[in-house]
Amino acid sequence: MNSDINLAKLLPLLIPVAIIEFGLLVWALLDVIRRKNVKGPKIVWIIVVVVFEIIGPIAYFLFGRGEESAEDDSESNS
C-alpha cells in the first residue's frame, strides 16, 4: 500500500460518508416498517436496505415505496 495515503488523511472524508450511510439506513428501515404499502415483501426490502448499504436505501426510496393512502396521510399529520 502507498505510504503517502494513511487513515488520518482519509478520516475527514470517511466520517461524513459513514454518517450519511447510517442516516439513510435508519430512515429507510423506519419507512419500510411503518409504511403499509410497499412494492414487494417488506422482509426483502429490509434485507436489501441492510445488506447493500448506500445502494439499498436509495433503491428502496426509488423503487420500493408504495403509494401513500389517505389513512397514511392523516396518521402522519396527527
Protein backbone atom coordinates (compact mmCIF):
# COMPACT_ATOMS: atom_id res chain seq x y z
CA MET A 1 0.00 0.00 0.00
CA ASN A 2 1.20 3.50 -0.73
CA SER A 3 2.83 5.08 2.33
CA ASP A 4 1.57 8.56 1.34
CA ILE A 5 -2.03 7.54 1.97
CA ASN A 6 -2.89 6.97 5.59
CA LEU A 7 -6.09 6.76 7.58
CA ALA A 8 -5.63 10.14 9.24
CA LYS A 9 -5.80 11.88 5.85
CA LEU A 10 -8.89 9.94 4.75
CA LEU A 11 -10.81 10.21 8.03
CA PRO A 12 -12.29 13.67 7.33
CA LEU A 13 -13.77 12.24 4.12
CA LEU A 14 -14.93 8.94 5.58
CA ILE A 15 -16.81 10.31 8.60
CA PRO A 16 -19.44 12.27 6.58
CA VAL A 17 -19.94 9.30 4.25
CA ALA A 18 -20.45 6.97 7.22
CA ILE A 19 -22.94 9.40 8.82
CA ILE A 20 -24.92 9.72 5.57
CA GLU A 21 -24.88 5.95 5.10
CA PHE A 22 -26.15 5.31 8.64
CA GLY A 23 -28.81 8.01 8.31
CA LEU A 24 -30.10 6.54 5.06
CA LEU A 25 -30.14 3.07 6.59
CA VAL A 26 -32.18 4.16 9.63
CA TRP A 27 -34.54 6.32 7.57
CA ALA A 28 -35.20 3.53 5.05
CA LEU A 29 -35.71 0.87 7.74
CA LEU A 30 -38.17 3.06 9.65
CA ASP A 31 -40.03 3.82 6.42
CA VAL A 32 -40.27 0.14 5.44
CA ILE A 33 -41.54 -0.83 8.88
CA ARG A 34 -44.08 2.00 9.20
CA ARG A 35 -45.42 2.02 5.64
CA LYS A 36 -48.47 -0.15 4.96
CA ASN A 37 -47.92 -0.39 1.21
CA VAL A 38 -44.52 -1.33 -0.19
CA LYS A 39 -43.78 -2.84 -3.57
CA GLY A 40 -42.88 -6.41 -2.71
CA PRO A 41 -42.38 -8.20 0.60
CA LYS A 42 -41.22 -5.99 3.47
CA ILE A 43 -38.64 -8.54 4.63
CA VAL A 44 -36.95 -8.45 1.22
CA TRP A 45 -36.69 -4.65 1.34
CA ILE A 46 -35.29 -4.80 4.88
CA ILE A 47 -32.61 -7.24 3.72
CA VAL A 48 -31.81 -5.12 0.65
CA VAL A 49 -31.52 -1.94 2.75
CA VAL A 50 -29.22 -3.56 5.33
CA VAL A 51 -27.01 -5.66 3.02
CA PHE A 52 -26.44 -3.20 0.17
CA GLU A 53 -25.54 -0.22 2.39
CA ILE A 54 -25.88 3.06 0.40
CA ILE A 55 -27.35 1.48 -2.75
CA GLY A 56 -30.06 -0.46 -0.84
CA PRO A 57 -31.77 2.51 0.80
CA ILE A 58 -31.60 4.52 -2.42
CA ALA A 59 -33.12 1.61 -4.36
CA TYR A 60 -35.89 1.32 -1.78
CA PHE A 61 -36.76 5.01 -1.97
CA LEU A 62 -36.74 4.93 -5.78
CA PHE A 63 -38.49 1.61 -6.42
CA GLY A 64 -39.85 0.05 -3.23
CA ARG A 65 -42.11 2.62 -1.66
CA GLY A 66 -45.79 2.04 -2.25
CA GLU A 67 -48.43 4.66 -2.78
CA GLU A 68 -49.50 6.53 0.33
CA SER A 69 -53.16 6.17 1.15
CA ALA A 70 -55.37 8.82 2.72
CA GLU A 71 -55.06 6.92 6.04
CA ASP A 72 -51.26 7.22 5.97
CA ASP A 73 -51.53 10.98 5.39
CA SER A 74 -53.97 11.53 8.26
CA GLU A 75 -51.85 9.46 10.67
CA SER A 76 -48.69 11.41 9.88
CA ASN A 77 -50.45 14.77 10.39
CA SER A 78 -51.80 13.94 13.85
